[in-house]
Amino acid sequence: MKLNFVEDEAKSAVIEFIDADRSVPEMIKSKLIDNKDVEFVGVVKEHPDINKPKLIVKSTKNVRTLILKAVEELQEDIKDLASSLPKK
């Protein structure tokens, strides 16, 4: 998965996920939506045939820092899920 920063400002970003479906940006969005420092977060997919969803984030703090924190939280969630799955 590749990222293209369409907009890359300190307090706002538009990140295009190349060759990806909406699942990863939606998971990041779900973590950011409850953050009090995030003013707006959304995921847009402009056309069904174009596989480039965009994550849009506007914040009162550094957007990259908030996104990295959200990704780290997702990694922990996945680790917890993996450890709770029964092994055969």
C-alpha atoms as a PDB file:
ATOM      1  CA  MET A   1       0.000   0.000   0.000  1.00  0.00           C
ATOM      2  CA  LYS A   2       1.363   3.392  -0.974  1.00  0.00           C
ATOM      3  CA  LEU A   3       0.372   6.801   0.356  1.00  0.00           C
ATOM      4  CA  ASN A   4       0.143  10.051  -1.540  1.00  0.00           C
ATOM      5  CA  PHE A   5      -0.126  13.211   0.545  1.00  0.00           C
ATOM      6  CA  VAL A   6      -2.431  15.391  -1.547  1.00  0.00           C
ATOM      7  CA  GLU A   7      -2.415  17.983   1.229  1.00  0.00           C
ATOM      8  CA  ASP A   8       0.227  17.953   3.948  1.00  0.00           C
ATOM      9  CA  GLU A   9      -0.106  20.836   6.389  1.00  0.00           C
ATOM     10  CA  ALA A  10       0.598  20.836  10.109  1.00  0.00           C
ATOM     11  CA  LYS A  11      -3.080  20.844  11.081  1.00  0.00           C
ATOM     12  CA  SER A  12      -4.705  19.308   8.022  1.00  0.00           C
ATOM     13  CA  ALA A  13      -3.995  16.475   5.631  1.00  0.00           C
ATOM     14  CA  VAL A  14      -5.528  14.655   2.712  1.00  0.00           C
ATOM     15  CA  ILE A  15      -3.923  11.250   2.260  1.00  0.00           C
ATOM     16  CA  GLU A  16      -4.637   9.107  -0.775  1.00  0.00           C
ATOM     17  CA  PHE A  17      -4.311   5.346  -0.249  1.00  0.00           C
ATOM     18  CA  ILE A  18      -3.107   3.880  -3.540  1.00  0.00           C
ATOM     19  CA  ASP A  19      -4.145   0.311  -4.425  1.00  0.00           C
ATOM     20  CA  ALA A  20      -6.149  -0.034  -1.234  1.00  0.00           C
ATOM     21  CA  ASP A  21      -9.786  -0.366  -0.342  1.00  0.00           C
ATOM     22  CA  ARG A  22     -11.535   1.793   2.255  1.00  0.00           C
ATOM     23  CA  SER A  23     -10.865  -0.546   5.182  1.00  0.00           C
ATOM     24  CA  VAL A  24      -7.558   0.909   6.405  1.00  0.00           C
ATOM     25  CA  PRO A  25      -8.543   4.587   6.150  1.00  0.00           C
ATOM     26  CA  GLU A  26     -11.894   3.739   7.786  1.00  0.00           C
ATOM     27  CA  MET A  27     -10.097   2.049  10.705  1.00  0.00           C
ATOM     28  CA  ILE A  28      -7.864   5.107  11.146  1.00  0.00           C
ATOM     29  CA  LYS A  29     -10.947   7.315  10.968  1.00  0.00           C
ATOM     30  CA  SER A  30     -12.642   5.252  13.691  1.00  0.00           C
ATOM     31  CA  LYS A  31      -9.723   5.930  16.022  1.00  0.00           C
ATOM     32  CA  LEU A  32      -9.501   9.629  15.181  1.00  0.00           C
ATOM     33  CA  ILE A  33     -13.215  10.388  15.390  1.00  0.00           C
ATOM     34  CA  ASP A  34     -13.225  10.263  19.196  1.00  0.00           C
ATOM     35  CA  ASN A  35     -10.072  12.367  19.587  1.00  0.00           C
ATOM     36  CA  LYS A  36     -10.920  15.783  21.056  1.00  0.00           C
ATOM     37  CA  ASP A  37      -8.136  17.426  19.015  1.00  0.00           C
ATOM     38  CA  VAL A  38      -9.650  16.307  15.694  1.00  0.00           C
ATOM     39  CA  GLU A  39     -12.020  18.870  14.200  1.00  0.00           C
ATOM     40  CA  PHE A  40     -12.939  16.783  11.126  1.00  0.00           C
ATOM     41  CA  VAL A  41     -12.145  13.329   9.819  1.00  0.00           C
ATOM     42  CA  GLY A  42     -13.635  11.571   6.836  1.00  0.00           C
ATOM     43  CA  VAL A  43     -12.969   9.012   4.138  1.00  0.00           C
ATOM     44  CA  VAL A  44     -13.872   9.697   0.525  1.00  0.00           C
ATOM     45  CA  LYS A  45     -13.813   7.374  -2.445  1.00  0.00           C
ATOM     46  CA  GLU A  46     -14.531   9.441  -5.512  1.00  0.00           C
ATOM     47  CA  HIS A  47     -15.414   6.642  -7.922  1.00  0.00           C
ATOM     48  CA  PRO A  48     -16.004   2.893  -7.486  1.00  0.00           C
ATOM     49  CA  ASP A  49     -13.552   2.018 -10.275  1.00  0.00           C
ATOM     50  CA  ILE A  50     -10.740   4.148  -8.840  1.00  0.00           C
ATOM     51  CA  ASN A  51      -9.065   2.342  -5.979  1.00  0.00           C
ATOM     52  CA  LYS A  52      -7.741   5.429  -4.172  1.00  0.00           C
ATOM     53  CA  PRO A  53      -9.733   6.307  -1.059  1.00  0.00           C
ATOM     54  CA  LYS A  54      -8.709   9.515   0.697  1.00  0.00           C
ATOM     55  CA  LEU A  55      -8.455  10.141   4.422  1.00  0.00           C
ATOM     56  CA  ILE A  56      -9.173  13.780   5.260  1.00  0.00           C
ATOM     57  CA  VAL A  57      -8.148  15.078   8.688  1.00  0.00           C
ATOM     58  CA  LYS A  58      -8.331  18.568  10.190  1.00  0.00           C
ATOM     59  CA  SER A  59      -7.101  19.157  13.721  1.00  0.00           C
ATOM     60  CA  THR A  60      -6.028  21.663  16.325  1.00  0.00           C
ATOM     61  CA  LYS A  61      -2.744  19.754  16.720  1.00  0.00           C
ATOM     62  CA  ASN A  62      -0.215  18.112  14.409  1.00  0.00           C
ATOM     63  CA  VAL A  63      -2.143  15.791  12.122  1.00  0.00           C
ATOM     64  CA  ARG A  64       0.708  13.377  11.411  1.00  0.00           C
ATOM     65  CA  THR A  65       1.244  12.836  15.137  1.00  0.00           C
ATOM     66  CA  LEU A  66      -2.448  12.077  15.624  1.00  0.00           C
ATOM     67  CA  ILE A  67      -2.531   9.674  12.670  1.00  0.00           C
ATOM     68  CA  LEU A  68       0.565   7.833  13.888  1.00  0.00           C
ATOM     69  CA  LYS A  69      -0.994   7.482  17.338  1.00  0.00           C
ATOM     70  CA  ALA A  70      -4.182   6.102  15.767  1.00  0.00           C
ATOM     71  CA  VAL A  71      -2.177   3.568  13.741  1.00  0.00           C
ATOM     72  CA  GLU A  72      -0.293   2.483  16.874  1.00  0.00           C
ATOM     73  CA  GLU A  73      -3.611   1.984  18.693  1.00  0.00           C
ATOM     74  CA  LEU A  74      -4.862  -0.115  15.762  1.00  0.00           C
ATOM     75  CA  GLN A  75      -1.726  -2.249  15.936  1.00  0.00           C
ATOM     76  CA  GLU A  76      -2.420  -2.899  19.625  1.00  0.00           C
ATOM     77  CA  ASP A  77      -6.046  -3.759  18.847  1.00  0.00           C
ATOM     78  CA  ILE A  78      -4.917  -6.282  16.211  1.00  0.00           C
ATOM     79  CA  LYS A  79      -2.397  -7.827  18.639  1.00  0.00           C
ATOM     80  CA  ASP A  80      -5.130  -8.174  21.273  1.00  0.00           C
ATOM     81  CA  LEU A  81      -7.446  -9.751  18.736  1.00  0.00           C
ATOM     82  CA  ALA A  82      -4.778 -12.186  17.578  1.00  0.00           C
ATOM     83  CA  SER A  83      -4.021 -13.259  21.144  1.00  0.00           C
ATOM     84  CA  SER A  84      -7.699 -13.846  21.899  1.00  0.00           C
ATOM     85  CA  LEU A  85      -8.263 -16.138  18.931  1.00  0.00           C
ATOM     86  CA  PRO A  86      -8.253 -19.793  19.929  1.00  0.00           C
ATOM     87  CA  LYS A  87      -5.369 -21.806  18.553  1.00  0.00           C
ATOM     88  CA  LYS A  88      -6.037 -25.217  17.059  1.00  0.00           C
END
